[in-house]
Amino acid sequence: MLKLEARPEASKFWSMASPLLALFLTVLVGVALFMALGKDPVRGLQMFFWEPVKSAYALGELMVKATPLLVIALGLGVCYRSNVWNIGAEGQFVMGAVAAGGVALLADATIGRWIVVAIVLAGVLGGMAWAGLVALLRDRFNANEILVSLMLVYVADMVLSYLVYGPWKDPAGYNFPQSKTFAAVTQIPRLMTGSRVSVGLLVALAGVALMWVFLFRTRAGFAQQVGGLAPAAARYAGFSSRKALWVALLVSGGAAGLAGALEVAGPIGQLTPHVPAGYGFAAIIVAYVGRLHPVGMVFSAVLMSMFYIGGELAQSRLGLPKSITGVFQGLLLFSLLACDTLVAYRLRWLKGA
């Protein structure tokens, strides 16, 4: 019989190298998957790991995908380090997009560029409001934040569908479920001509620095983590576990809402039923592959965006199903979980009688 036995001390090297090993295992399983589907594995891996970085335009598209993933993951990192399990960042992303889209639809030819700031703030507040519902139910009624945040994702999707099929539907849109295309003045400024990369990338990188300073160089960040991980110790030290709950959820909700605003006022340019792209769920993997460290999340966000782009290319060029993106994301997550388990535990063979 095999038994998992806790190691006396986990290897520091493998604790850090575990994501790289998980990526290697993901590639190996991916090769076997391509072969099982009758596809050239070299060609398949090329779609995921070479095509997204082979040119300046491809790198720009990679950054477009990585920006919302990184922004959401940073907020989730604060949550998970506080022992608050927000699984509904996708819903907060959608509500941020809805709030930002509502402000963008108010713009006309007389509006100045200041409307972009209002759009971004609306997105942040929309995400915070949706996460605030989770915090309220957890705080007042001790409702499980995992279930509440996850169920609110589907409510957010229904709100978006109601608006684009109903009151916000473009009357000149040939009956397609979409809002009007936002005015050019509402467009998030781009970093360079000929590329879709916006200043959202700079916002995301600034968020990396802010999160690092907050978590590792401030008393408030220390209190935030202690308040979530050890409420009794936090109360003894004068920290509020209740405050840690609210801060964690509002920060993660605001980050997800910000990503939603950057997306609809950037690459998408309107509200459609396809705004939910799974970024909120993929960002959970980004956060954990990045070891809940802001710098690590930068690299894991780039990797996850390669999976998104590689999946799209595999559909169009290799004839693989759309689900191939989710398959690679799931492989990476489960490989990481397996590696982390073996870092902390070892398998021991127990001989039966």
Protein backbone atom coordinates (compact mmCIF):
# COMPACT_ATOMS: atom_id res chain seq x y z
CA MET A 1 0.00 0.00 0.00
CA LEU A 2 1.24 3.46 -0.84
CA LYS A 3 1.01 6.20 1.75
CA LEU A 4 1.76 9.91 1.56
CA GLU A 5 4.13 10.84 4.35
CA ALA A 6 5.03 14.42 5.20
CA ARG A 7 8.67 15.24 4.58
CA PRO A 8 10.64 16.57 7.59
CA GLU A 9 11.54 19.62 5.52
CA ALA A 10 10.45 20.55 2.00
CA SER A 11 13.22 21.24 -0.51
CA LYS A 12 13.58 24.96 -1.08
CA PHE A 13 14.96 24.34 -4.56
CA TRP A 14 12.03 22.18 -5.68
CA SER A 15 9.55 24.52 -4.03
CA MET A 16 10.72 27.17 -6.50
CA ALA A 17 11.41 24.83 -9.43
CA SER A 18 8.08 23.02 -9.15
CA PRO A 19 6.33 25.26 -11.74
CA LEU A 20 9.09 24.54 -14.28
CA LEU A 21 8.76 20.81 -13.70
CA ALA A 22 4.98 21.14 -14.05
CA LEU A 23 5.45 22.92 -17.38
CA PHE A 24 7.79 20.16 -18.55
CA LEU A 25 5.22 17.52 -17.63
CA THR A 26 2.52 19.51 -19.40
CA VAL A 27 4.62 19.53 -22.58
CA LEU A 28 5.18 15.77 -22.33
CA VAL A 29 1.49 15.05 -21.91
CA GLY A 30 0.75 17.52 -24.70
CA VAL A 31 3.04 15.61 -27.05
CA ALA A 32 1.22 12.38 -26.21
CA LEU A 33 -2.11 14.13 -26.75
CA PHE A 34 -1.14 15.42 -30.19
CA MET A 35 0.05 11.96 -31.20
CA ALA A 36 -3.19 10.39 -29.97
CA LEU A 37 -5.15 12.87 -32.09
CA GLY A 38 -3.05 12.04 -35.14
CA LYS A 39 -1.35 15.44 -35.27
CA ASP A 40 2.33 16.24 -35.64
CA PRO A 41 3.50 16.93 -32.05
CA VAL A 42 6.30 19.23 -33.20
CA ARG A 43 3.83 21.27 -35.20
CA GLY A 44 1.42 21.29 -32.26
CA LEU A 45 4.03 22.53 -29.79
CA GLN A 46 5.07 25.14 -32.34
CA MET A 47 1.54 26.57 -32.20
CA PHE A 48 1.79 27.02 -28.43
CA PHE A 49 5.41 27.96 -27.82
CA TRP A 50 6.82 29.50 -31.00
CA GLU A 51 4.06 31.17 -33.00
CA PRO A 52 3.04 33.51 -30.12
CA VAL A 53 6.58 34.96 -29.88
CA LYS A 54 8.00 34.77 -33.41
CA SER A 55 7.39 38.40 -34.41
CA ALA A 56 6.80 41.84 -32.96
CA TYR A 57 3.11 41.67 -33.85
CA ALA A 58 2.80 38.25 -32.18
CA LEU A 59 4.49 39.57 -29.05
CA GLY A 60 2.04 42.47 -29.02
CA GLU A 61 -0.92 40.09 -29.15
CA LEU A 62 0.71 38.07 -26.39
CA MET A 63 0.81 41.17 -24.20
CA VAL A 64 -2.84 41.92 -25.03
CA LYS A 65 -3.81 38.52 -23.63
CA ALA A 66 -1.39 38.66 -20.70
CA THR A 67 -2.56 42.06 -19.41
CA PRO A 68 -6.01 41.07 -18.06
CA LEU A 69 -4.64 37.76 -16.76
CA LEU A 70 -1.91 39.54 -14.80
CA VAL A 71 -4.22 42.25 -13.42
CA ILE A 72 -6.77 39.70 -12.17
CA ALA A 73 -4.08 37.38 -10.80
CA LEU A 74 -2.55 40.20 -8.75
CA GLY A 75 -5.86 40.77 -6.99
CA LEU A 76 -6.35 37.05 -6.44
CA GLY A 77 -2.85 36.84 -5.01
CA VAL A 78 -3.84 39.25 -2.24
CA CYS A 79 -6.96 37.15 -1.61
CA TYR A 80 -5.23 33.80 -1.44
CA ARG A 81 -2.38 35.07 0.72
CA SER A 82 -5.11 36.25 3.10
CA ASN A 83 -6.74 32.79 3.07
CA VAL A 84 -9.83 34.16 1.32
CA TRP A 85 -10.91 31.96 -1.58
CA ASN A 86 -12.36 34.16 -4.27
CA ILE A 87 -13.22 31.84 -7.17
CA GLY A 88 -15.56 34.32 -8.85
CA ALA A 89 -13.11 36.76 -10.43
CA GLU A 90 -14.74 35.97 -13.78
CA GLY A 91 -18.02 37.46 -12.57
CA GLN A 92 -16.25 40.51 -11.17
CA PHE A 93 -14.47 40.88 -14.52
CA VAL A 94 -17.83 40.81 -16.31
CA MET A 95 -19.47 43.32 -13.98
CA GLY A 96 -16.48 45.62 -14.32
CA ALA A 97 -16.88 45.39 -18.09
CA VAL A 98 -20.61 46.11 -17.78
CA ALA A 99 -20.07 49.17 -15.57
CA ALA A 100 -17.30 50.47 -17.82
CA GLY A 101 -19.40 49.80 -20.93
CA GLY A 102 -22.33 51.71 -19.43
CA VAL A 103 -20.15 54.80 -18.99
CA ALA A 104 -18.62 54.38 -22.46
CA LEU A 105 -22.08 54.31 -24.04
CA LEU A 106 -22.77 57.77 -22.60
CA ALA A 107 -19.93 59.31 -24.63
CA ASP A 108 -20.69 61.45 -27.65
CA ALA A 109 -18.78 63.84 -29.90
CA THR A 110 -18.65 66.53 -27.19
CA ILE A 111 -16.95 64.36 -24.56
CA GLY A 112 -13.26 64.85 -23.86
CA ARG A 113 -10.59 62.23 -23.21
CA TRP A 114 -11.28 62.44 -19.47
CA ILE A 115 -14.04 59.90 -20.10
CA VAL A 116 -11.37 57.17 -20.17
CA VAL A 117 -10.63 57.79 -16.50
CA ALA A 118 -14.33 57.58 -15.69
CA ILE A 119 -14.61 54.32 -17.63
CA VAL A 120 -11.71 52.75 -15.76
CA LEU A 121 -13.04 53.91 -12.38
CA ALA A 122 -16.48 52.55 -13.22
CA GLY A 123 -14.93 49.19 -14.04
CA VAL A 124 -13.05 49.10 -10.74
CA LEU A 125 -16.17 50.03 -8.77
CA GLY A 126 -18.27 47.46 -10.64
CA GLY A 127 -15.86 44.68 -9.75
CA MET A 128 -15.59 45.85 -6.16
CA ALA A 129 -19.37 45.96 -5.77
CA TRP A 130 -19.71 42.39 -7.04
CA ALA A 131 -16.95 41.16 -4.71
CA GLY A 132 -18.49 43.22 -1.91
CA LEU A 133 -21.58 41.00 -2.09
CA VAL A 134 -19.36 38.01 -1.36
CA ALA A 135 -17.68 39.83 1.53
CA LEU A 136 -21.04 40.89 2.98
CA LEU A 137 -22.49 37.38 2.93
CA ARG A 138 -19.31 35.90 4.38
CA ASP A 139 -19.05 38.59 7.06
CA ARG A 140 -22.70 38.71 8.16
CA PHE A 141 -23.89 35.14 7.56
CA ASN A 142 -20.62 33.16 7.36
CA ALA A 143 -21.55 32.03 3.85
CA ASN A 144 -18.84 30.11 2.03
CA GLU A 145 -17.06 32.59 -0.23
CA ILE A 146 -16.06 29.84 -2.69
CA LEU A 147 -19.67 28.94 -3.48
CA VAL A 148 -21.02 32.49 -3.32
CA SER A 149 -18.36 33.99 -5.58
CA LEU A 150 -18.67 31.12 -8.06
CA MET A 151 -22.47 31.32 -8.28
CA LEU A 152 -22.30 35.09 -8.79
CA VAL A 153 -20.30 34.44 -11.97
CA TYR A 154 -23.42 33.04 -13.62
CA VAL A 155 -25.54 35.91 -12.33
CA ALA A 156 -23.09 38.37 -13.86
CA ASP A 157 -23.26 36.51 -17.19
CA MET A 158 -27.06 36.78 -17.11
CA VAL A 159 -26.89 40.51 -16.38
CA LEU A 160 -24.60 40.99 -19.38
CA SER A 161 -26.85 38.88 -21.62
CA TYR A 162 -29.94 40.80 -20.53
CA LEU A 163 -28.32 44.13 -21.40
CA VAL A 164 -26.90 43.17 -24.81
CA TYR A 165 -30.08 41.34 -25.82
CA GLY A 166 -32.28 44.08 -24.38
CA PRO A 167 -31.91 47.75 -23.42
CA TRP A 168 -28.30 48.17 -24.58
CA LYS A 169 -28.71 46.30 -27.85
CA ASP A 170 -27.50 48.24 -30.89
CA PRO A 171 -30.56 49.14 -32.95
CA ALA A 172 -28.38 49.33 -36.06
CA GLY A 173 -26.58 46.07 -35.29
CA TYR A 174 -28.61 43.80 -37.62
CA ASN A 175 -30.21 42.11 -34.59
CA PHE A 176 -26.87 40.85 -33.24
CA PRO A 177 -26.69 40.76 -29.41
CA GLN A 178 -24.20 43.54 -28.92
CA SER A 179 -24.03 47.14 -27.81
CA LYS A 180 -23.09 50.01 -30.05
CA THR A 181 -19.40 50.29 -30.84
CA PHE A 182 -17.91 52.69 -28.32
CA ALA A 183 -16.87 56.14 -29.52
CA ALA A 184 -13.22 56.55 -30.42
CA VAL A 185 -12.74 58.97 -27.52
CA THR A 186 -13.41 56.13 -25.06
CA GLN A 187 -10.58 53.97 -26.42
CA ILE A 188 -7.87 53.09 -23.90
CA PRO A 189 -4.70 54.77 -25.28
CA ARG A 190 -2.36 52.42 -27.11
CA LEU A 191 1.34 52.26 -26.47
CA MET A 192 2.34 52.29 -30.13
CA THR A 193 0.79 52.54 -33.56
CA GLY A 194 0.13 49.30 -35.40
CA SER A 195 -0.29 47.33 -32.17
CA ARG A 196 -3.28 46.62 -29.94
CA VAL A 197 -1.16 46.85 -26.78
CA SER A 198 -2.62 49.59 -24.58
CA VAL A 199 -1.46 51.47 -21.52
CA GLY A 200 -3.21 48.70 -19.60
CA LEU A 201 0.09 46.84 -19.81
CA LEU A 202 1.80 49.66 -17.90
CA VAL A 203 -1.03 49.63 -15.36
CA ALA A 204 -0.50 45.89 -14.87
CA LEU A 205 3.26 46.31 -14.35
CA ALA A 206 2.61 49.15 -11.92
CA GLY A 207 0.27 46.79 -10.09
CA VAL A 208 3.10 44.27 -9.78
CA ALA A 209 5.25 46.86 -8.02
CA LEU A 210 2.38 48.04 -5.80
CA MET A 211 1.48 44.51 -4.73
CA TRP A 212 5.10 43.68 -3.90
CA VAL A 213 5.48 46.80 -1.77
CA PHE A 214 2.11 46.27 -0.06
CA LEU A 215 2.61 42.59 0.80
CA PHE A 216 6.29 42.55 1.70
CA ARG A 217 7.22 46.06 2.76
CA THR A 218 4.24 47.46 4.71
CA ARG A 219 2.68 46.73 8.07
CA ALA A 220 -0.76 46.71 6.43
CA GLY A 221 0.31 43.94 4.05
CA PHE A 222 1.68 41.88 6.93
CA ALA A 223 -1.53 42.41 8.89
CA GLN A 224 -3.52 41.41 5.82
CA GLN A 225 -1.80 38.05 5.56
CA VAL A 226 -1.85 37.33 9.31
CA GLY A 227 -5.52 38.32 9.56
CA GLY A 228 -6.45 35.71 6.96
CA LEU A 229 -4.12 32.89 7.95
CA ALA A 230 -4.39 33.10 11.74
CA PRO A 231 -7.42 35.14 12.93
CA ALA A 232 -6.76 34.38 16.61
CA ALA A 233 -3.14 35.49 16.35
CA ALA A 234 -4.25 38.55 14.38
CA ARG A 235 -6.70 39.56 17.12
CA TYR A 236 -3.99 39.09 19.74
CA ALA A 237 -1.68 41.35 17.73
CA GLY A 238 -4.43 43.93 17.25
CA PHE A 239 -5.13 43.06 13.60
CA SER A 240 -8.67 42.66 12.34
CA SER A 241 -9.50 39.42 10.49
CA ARG A 242 -12.77 41.02 9.40
CA LYS A 243 -10.88 43.89 7.81
CA ALA A 244 -8.58 41.39 6.10
CA LEU A 245 -11.64 39.71 4.55
CA TRP A 246 -13.06 42.94 3.18
CA VAL A 247 -9.72 44.26 1.92
CA ALA A 248 -8.89 40.98 0.19
CA LEU A 249 -12.22 40.73 -1.64
CA LEU A 250 -12.47 44.40 -2.54
CA VAL A 251 -8.90 44.47 -3.87
CA SER A 252 -9.39 41.31 -5.94
CA GLY A 253 -12.80 42.47 -7.17
CA GLY A 254 -11.45 45.89 -8.09
CA ALA A 255 -8.55 44.32 -9.97
CA ALA A 256 -10.90 42.03 -11.90
CA GLY A 257 -13.21 44.95 -12.67
CA LEU A 258 -10.22 46.99 -13.86
CA ALA A 259 -9.28 44.16 -16.23
CA GLY A 260 -12.85 44.11 -17.55
CA ALA A 261 -12.77 47.86 -18.20
CA LEU A 262 -9.41 47.65 -19.97
CA GLU A 263 -10.74 44.83 -22.14
CA VAL A 264 -14.05 46.31 -23.31
CA ALA A 265 -12.65 49.83 -23.76
CA GLY A 266 -9.55 48.40 -25.41
CA PRO A 267 -9.40 45.39 -27.76
CA ILE A 268 -13.15 44.63 -27.80
CA GLY A 269 -14.59 48.12 -28.11
CA GLN A 270 -18.19 47.12 -27.26
CA LEU A 271 -20.23 44.83 -25.05
CA THR A 272 -21.05 41.37 -26.43
CA PRO A 273 -22.02 38.02 -24.88
CA HIS A 274 -18.44 36.92 -25.56
CA VAL A 275 -16.88 39.32 -23.04
CA PRO A 276 -16.52 36.43 -20.52
CA ALA A 277 -13.39 34.82 -22.00
CA GLY A 278 -12.47 32.71 -18.98
CA TYR A 279 -9.77 35.12 -17.83
CA GLY A 280 -11.08 35.08 -14.26
CA PHE A 281 -10.70 31.32 -13.99
CA ALA A 282 -7.39 31.17 -15.87
CA ALA A 283 -6.01 33.85 -13.55
CA ILE A 284 -6.34 31.40 -10.64
CA ILE A 285 -3.80 29.17 -12.39
CA VAL A 286 -1.66 32.23 -13.16
CA ALA A 287 -1.62 33.17 -9.47
CA TYR A 288 -0.58 29.71 -8.29
CA VAL A 289 1.94 28.99 -11.04
CA GLY A 290 3.45 32.37 -10.12
CA ARG A 291 3.67 31.19 -6.50
CA LEU A 292 1.38 34.03 -5.38
CA HIS A 293 4.34 36.36 -5.90
CA PRO A 294 3.80 39.42 -8.11
CA VAL A 295 7.01 38.88 -10.11
CA GLY A 296 6.27 35.20 -10.63
CA MET A 297 2.79 36.09 -11.89
CA VAL A 298 4.31 38.14 -14.71
CA PHE A 299 5.93 35.03 -16.18
CA SER A 300 2.94 32.78 -15.53
CA ALA A 301 0.60 35.32 -17.18
CA VAL A 302 2.76 35.29 -20.30
CA LEU A 303 2.74 31.48 -20.28
CA MET A 304 -1.04 31.33 -19.91
CA SER A 305 -1.52 33.84 -22.72
CA MET A 306 0.65 31.60 -24.91
CA PHE A 307 -1.82 28.81 -24.19
CA TYR A 308 -4.71 31.06 -25.24
CA ILE A 309 -3.08 32.10 -28.51
CA GLY A 310 -1.71 28.61 -29.17
CA GLY A 311 -5.17 27.15 -28.69
CA GLU A 312 -6.65 29.58 -31.21
CA LEU A 313 -3.93 28.77 -33.73
CA ALA A 314 -4.35 25.04 -33.15
CA GLN A 315 -8.04 25.39 -33.99
CA SER A 316 -7.50 27.28 -37.24
CA ARG A 317 -4.35 25.52 -38.50
CA LEU A 318 -4.55 22.01 -37.09
CA GLY A 319 -8.29 21.55 -36.88
CA LEU A 320 -8.25 20.87 -33.14
CA PRO A 321 -11.30 21.67 -30.98
CA LYS A 322 -11.64 24.90 -29.02
CA SER A 323 -11.31 22.96 -25.76
CA ILE A 324 -7.59 22.38 -26.42
CA THR A 325 -6.82 25.66 -24.61
CA GLY A 326 -8.61 24.50 -21.48
CA VAL A 327 -6.91 21.12 -21.73
CA PHE A 328 -3.45 22.70 -21.60
CA GLN A 329 -4.49 25.01 -18.75
CA GLY A 330 -5.84 22.06 -16.79
CA LEU A 331 -2.75 19.98 -17.48
CA LEU A 332 -0.55 22.74 -16.13
CA LEU A 333 -2.66 23.15 -12.99
CA PHE A 334 -2.84 19.44 -12.17
CA SER A 335 0.85 18.94 -12.92
CA LEU A 336 1.64 21.78 -10.53
CA LEU A 337 -0.60 20.31 -7.83
CA ALA A 338 1.07 16.91 -8.24
CA CYS A 339 4.56 18.41 -8.08
CA ASP A 340 3.71 20.51 -5.04
CA THR A 341 2.29 17.46 -3.28
CA LEU A 342 5.50 15.52 -3.84
CA VAL A 343 7.57 18.48 -2.68
CA ALA A 344 5.79 18.46 0.69
CA TYR A 345 5.16 14.70 0.92
CA ARG A 346 6.87 11.49 -0.15
CA LEU A 347 5.41 8.17 -1.20
CA ARG A 348 6.10 5.33 1.20
CA TRP A 349 5.42 1.70 0.48
CA LEU A 350 3.77 -0.12 3.39
CA LYS A 351 3.96 -3.90 3.25
CA GLY A 352 0.74 -5.65 4.10
CA ALA A 353 0.46 -8.49 6.59
